């Protein structure tokens, strides 16, 4: 699981790039930022979900490094299930099941992000203790 957590940067890059491509293709194709073409909508939703998943994985990695890995399996399940649904919605963008898969995948990844933010606010975890005195000789 820790190997997945360490891939948050790659997932963020993929999500940000797909979101940027979707928005730019929308501007090129229809001269509007939010196009309603099925592939562009699916790509935009995938990008947003991947960015949210990467932020949730970052929060899970920070908590695991601090010795509080209690929510890591929940983060892993929500992120993997959400990204799989978003990829399926992207692959089958013209089918009738694309919209429910997009909404469910985005809901999973955004819920992982919300849980991560709430965990960082109400039960913060720090990888290293904060130094209380200035080191001698510094």
C-alpha atoms as a PDB file:
ATOM      1  CA  UNK A   1       0.000   0.000   0.000  1.00  0.00           C
ATOM      2  CA  UNK A   2       2.871   2.356   0.736  1.00  0.00           C
ATOM      3  CA  UNK A   3       4.044   2.093  -2.871  1.00  0.00           C
ATOM      4  CA  UNK A   4       0.660   3.418  -4.007  1.00  0.00           C
ATOM      5  CA  UNK A   5       0.849   6.248  -1.485  1.00  0.00           C
ATOM      6  CA  UNK A   6       4.225   7.326  -2.835  1.00  0.00           C
ATOM      7  CA  UNK A   7       2.765   7.716  -6.329  1.00  0.00           C
ATOM      8  CA  UNK A   8       0.672  10.744  -5.384  1.00  0.00           C
ATOM      9  CA  UNK A   9       2.856  13.042  -7.510  1.00  0.00           C
ATOM     10  CA  UNK A  10       2.417  10.973 -10.651  1.00  0.00           C
ATOM     11  CA  UNK A  11      -1.331  10.726 -10.110  1.00  0.00           C
ATOM     12  CA  UNK A  12      -1.534  14.485  -9.550  1.00  0.00           C
ATOM     13  CA  UNK A  13       0.432  15.142 -12.743  1.00  0.00           C
ATOM     14  CA  UNK A  14      -1.794  12.826 -14.786  1.00  0.00           C
ATOM     15  CA  UNK A  15      -4.931  14.403 -13.340  1.00  0.00           C
ATOM     16  CA  UNK A  16      -3.753  17.973 -13.823  1.00  0.00           C
ATOM     17  CA  UNK A  17      -2.623  17.280 -17.388  1.00  0.00           C
ATOM     18  CA  UNK A  18      -5.903  15.594 -18.328  1.00  0.00           C
ATOM     19  CA  UNK A  19      -7.888  18.448 -16.782  1.00  0.00           C
ATOM     20  CA  UNK A  20      -5.829  20.995 -18.727  1.00  0.00           C
ATOM     21  CA  UNK A  21      -6.208  19.027 -21.969  1.00  0.00           C
ATOM     22  CA  UNK A  22      -9.961  18.718 -21.463  1.00  0.00           C
ATOM     23  CA  UNK A  23     -10.362  22.441 -20.850  1.00  0.00           C
ATOM     24  CA  UNK A  24      -8.160  23.418 -23.783  1.00  0.00           C
ATOM     25  CA  UNK A  25      -9.884  20.985 -26.159  1.00  0.00           C
ATOM     26  CA  UNK A  26     -13.203  22.386 -25.025  1.00  0.00           C
ATOM     27  CA  UNK A  27     -12.063  25.910 -25.850  1.00  0.00           C
ATOM     28  CA  UNK A  28     -10.730  24.820 -29.246  1.00  0.00           C
ATOM     29  CA  UNK A  29     -13.752  22.727 -30.216  1.00  0.00           C
ATOM     30  CA  UNK A  30     -16.639  24.894 -29.025  1.00  0.00           C
ATOM     31  CA  UNK A  31     -15.126  28.190 -27.821  1.00  0.00           C
ATOM     32  CA  UNK A  32     -16.499  27.539 -24.361  1.00  0.00           C
ATOM     33  CA  UNK A  33     -14.677  26.360 -21.276  1.00  0.00           C
ATOM     34  CA  UNK A  34     -17.123  23.631 -20.240  1.00  0.00           C
ATOM     35  CA  UNK A  35     -18.046  21.651 -23.335  1.00  0.00           C
ATOM     36  CA  UNK A  36     -20.796  19.045 -23.195  1.00  0.00           C
ATOM     37  CA  UNK A  37     -19.127  16.531 -25.532  1.00  0.00           C
ATOM     38  CA  UNK A  38     -19.071  13.148 -23.842  1.00  0.00           C
ATOM     39  CA  UNK A  39     -15.332  12.510 -24.128  1.00  0.00           C
ATOM     40  CA  UNK A  40     -14.368  15.992 -22.932  1.00  0.00           C
ATOM     41  CA  UNK A  41     -16.738  15.724 -19.960  1.00  0.00           C
ATOM     42  CA  UNK A  42     -15.330  12.302 -19.061  1.00  0.00           C
ATOM     43  CA  UNK A  43     -11.752  13.576 -19.390  1.00  0.00           C
ATOM     44  CA  UNK A  44     -12.506  16.642 -17.283  1.00  0.00           C
ATOM     45  CA  UNK A  45     -14.127  14.492 -14.588  1.00  0.00           C
ATOM     46  CA  UNK A  46     -11.181  12.077 -14.637  1.00  0.00           C
ATOM     47  CA  UNK A  47      -8.741  14.952 -14.209  1.00  0.00           C
ATOM     48  CA  UNK A  48     -10.628  16.416 -11.273  1.00  0.00           C
ATOM     49  CA  UNK A  49     -10.947  13.005  -9.634  1.00  0.00           C
ATOM     50  CA  UNK A  50      -7.272  12.190 -10.112  1.00  0.00           C
ATOM     51  CA  UNK A  51      -6.197  15.498  -8.550  1.00  0.00           C
ATOM     52  CA  UNK A  52      -8.476  14.842  -5.557  1.00  0.00           C
ATOM     53  CA  UNK A  53      -7.147  11.280  -5.275  1.00  0.00           C
ATOM     54  CA  UNK A  54      -3.547  12.501  -5.311  1.00  0.00           C
ATOM     55  CA  UNK A  55      -4.221  14.969  -2.517  1.00  0.00           C
ATOM     56  CA  UNK A  56      -5.901  12.239  -0.468  1.00  0.00           C
ATOM     57  CA  UNK A  57      -2.925   9.925  -1.044  1.00  0.00           C
ATOM     58  CA  UNK A  58      -0.569  12.682   0.094  1.00  0.00           C
ATOM     59  CA  UNK A  59      -2.530  13.065   3.334  1.00  0.00           C
ATOM     60  CA  UNK A  60      -2.493   9.287   3.852  1.00  0.00           C
ATOM     61  CA  UNK A  61       1.268   9.129   3.271  1.00  0.00           C
ATOM     62  CA  UNK A  62       1.913  11.924   5.770  1.00  0.00           C
ATOM     63  CA  UNK A  63      -0.251  10.137   8.357  1.00  0.00           C
ATOM     64  CA  UNK A  64       1.484   6.815   7.755  1.00  0.00           C
ATOM     65  CA  UNK A  65       4.922   8.400   8.128  1.00  0.00           C
ATOM     66  CA  UNK A  66       3.770   9.885  11.430  1.00  0.00           C
ATOM     67  CA  UNK A  67       2.782   6.479  12.769  1.00  0.00           C
ATOM     68  CA  UNK A  68      -1.000   6.840  12.381  1.00  0.00           C
ATOM     69  CA  UNK A  69      -1.848   4.466   9.501  1.00  0.00           C
ATOM     70  CA  UNK A  70      -5.402   3.816  10.721  1.00  0.00           C
ATOM     71  CA  UNK A  71      -7.123   5.381   7.720  1.00  0.00           C
ATOM     72  CA  UNK A  72      -4.734   4.121   5.034  1.00  0.00           C
ATOM     73  CA  UNK A  73      -6.926   1.201   3.949  1.00  0.00           C
ATOM     74  CA  UNK A  74      -9.960   3.464   3.694  1.00  0.00           C
ATOM     75  CA  UNK A  75      -8.014   5.952   1.583  1.00  0.00           C
ATOM     76  CA  UNK A  76      -6.715   3.135  -0.593  1.00  0.00           C
ATOM     77  CA  UNK A  77     -10.156   1.668  -1.191  1.00  0.00           C
ATOM     78  CA  UNK A  78     -11.782   5.011  -2.002  1.00  0.00           C
ATOM     79  CA  UNK A  79      -8.973   6.129  -4.306  1.00  0.00           C
ATOM     80  CA  UNK A  80      -8.611   2.854  -6.205  1.00  0.00           C
ATOM     81  CA  UNK A  81     -12.363   2.357  -6.619  1.00  0.00           C
ATOM     82  CA  UNK A  82     -12.855   5.975  -7.662  1.00  0.00           C
ATOM     83  CA  UNK A  83     -10.036   5.948 -10.198  1.00  0.00           C
ATOM     84  CA  UNK A  84     -11.207   2.641 -11.674  1.00  0.00           C
ATOM     85  CA  UNK A  85     -14.713   4.021 -12.135  1.00  0.00           C
ATOM     86  CA  UNK A  86     -13.340   7.190 -13.699  1.00  0.00           C
ATOM     87  CA  UNK A  87     -11.143   5.224 -16.108  1.00  0.00           C
ATOM     88  CA  UNK A  88     -14.114   3.042 -17.097  1.00  0.00           C
ATOM     89  CA  UNK A  89     -16.218   6.156 -17.658  1.00  0.00           C
ATOM     90  CA  UNK A  90     -13.442   7.585 -19.812  1.00  0.00           C
ATOM     91  CA  UNK A  91     -13.065   4.416 -21.867  1.00  0.00           C
ATOM     92  CA  UNK A  92     -16.815   3.987 -22.413  1.00  0.00           C
ATOM     93  CA  UNK A  93     -17.684   7.680 -22.647  1.00  0.00           C
ATOM     94  CA  UNK A  94     -20.461   7.210 -25.187  1.00  0.00           C
ATOM     95  CA  UNK A  95     -22.374   4.532 -23.282  1.00  0.00           C
ATOM     96  CA  UNK A  96     -25.268   5.124 -20.929  1.00  0.00           C
ATOM     97  CA  UNK A  97     -23.303   3.974 -17.904  1.00  0.00           C
ATOM     98  CA  UNK A  98     -20.678   6.667 -18.287  1.00  0.00           C
ATOM     99  CA  UNK A  99     -22.542   9.321 -16.303  1.00  0.00           C
ATOM    100  CA  UNK A 100     -23.223   7.136 -13.220  1.00  0.00           C
ATOM    101  CA  UNK A 101     -19.641   5.841 -13.307  1.00  0.00           C
ATOM    102  CA  UNK A 102     -18.291   9.410 -13.526  1.00  0.00           C
ATOM    103  CA  UNK A 103     -20.438  10.584 -10.638  1.00  0.00           C
ATOM    104  CA  UNK A 104     -19.610   7.577  -8.439  1.00  0.00           C
ATOM    105  CA  UNK A 105     -15.888   7.776  -9.197  1.00  0.00           C
ATOM    106  CA  UNK A 106     -15.794  11.492  -8.480  1.00  0.00           C
ATOM    107  CA  UNK A 107     -17.774  10.947  -5.282  1.00  0.00           C
ATOM    108  CA  UNK A 108     -15.292   8.292  -4.106  1.00  0.00           C
ATOM    109  CA  UNK A 109     -12.215  10.401  -4.765  1.00  0.00           C
ATOM    110  CA  UNK A 110     -13.708  13.584  -3.330  1.00  0.00           C
ATOM    111  CA  UNK A 111     -14.862  11.716  -0.216  1.00  0.00           C
ATOM    112  CA  UNK A 112     -11.308  10.436   0.261  1.00  0.00           C
ATOM    113  CA  UNK A 113     -10.086  14.025   0.006  1.00  0.00           C
ATOM    114  CA  UNK A 114     -12.678  15.295   2.497  1.00  0.00           C
ATOM    115  CA  UNK A 115     -11.819  12.520   4.959  1.00  0.00           C
ATOM    116  CA  UNK A 116      -8.134  13.350   4.566  1.00  0.00           C
ATOM    117  CA  UNK A 117      -8.710  17.048   5.205  1.00  0.00           C
ATOM    118  CA  UNK A 118     -10.885  16.344   8.237  1.00  0.00           C
ATOM    119  CA  UNK A 119      -8.328  13.892   9.607  1.00  0.00           C
ATOM    120  CA  UNK A 120      -5.565  16.478   9.206  1.00  0.00           C
ATOM    121  CA  UNK A 121      -7.668  19.121  10.973  1.00  0.00           C
ATOM    122  CA  UNK A 122      -9.083  17.123  13.882  1.00  0.00           C
ATOM    123  CA  UNK A 123      -6.333  14.537  14.426  1.00  0.00           C
ATOM    124  CA  UNK A 124      -3.136  15.998  12.960  1.00  0.00           C
ATOM    125  CA  UNK A 125      -0.133  13.762  12.502  1.00  0.00           C
ATOM    126  CA  UNK A 126       3.374  15.122  12.238  1.00  0.00           C
ATOM    127  CA  UNK A 127       6.245  13.043  10.818  1.00  0.00           C
ATOM    128  CA  UNK A 128       8.804  14.586  13.175  1.00  0.00           C
ATOM    129  CA  UNK A 129       8.440  16.312  16.493  1.00  0.00           C
ATOM    130  CA  UNK A 130       8.927  20.056  16.393  1.00  0.00           C
ATOM    131  CA  UNK A 131      12.205  21.199  18.004  1.00  0.00           C
ATOM    132  CA  UNK A 132      11.522  23.153  21.173  1.00  0.00           C
ATOM    133  CA  UNK A 133      15.021  24.452  21.802  1.00  0.00           C
ATOM    134  CA  UNK A 134      17.617  25.802  19.465  1.00  0.00           C
ATOM    135  CA  UNK A 135      20.320  23.202  18.708  1.00  0.00           C
ATOM    136  CA  UNK A 136      23.649  23.802  20.450  1.00  0.00           C
ATOM    137  CA  UNK A 137      26.349  25.138  18.170  1.00  0.00           C
ATOM    138  CA  UNK A 138      23.979  26.283  15.461  1.00  0.00           C
END
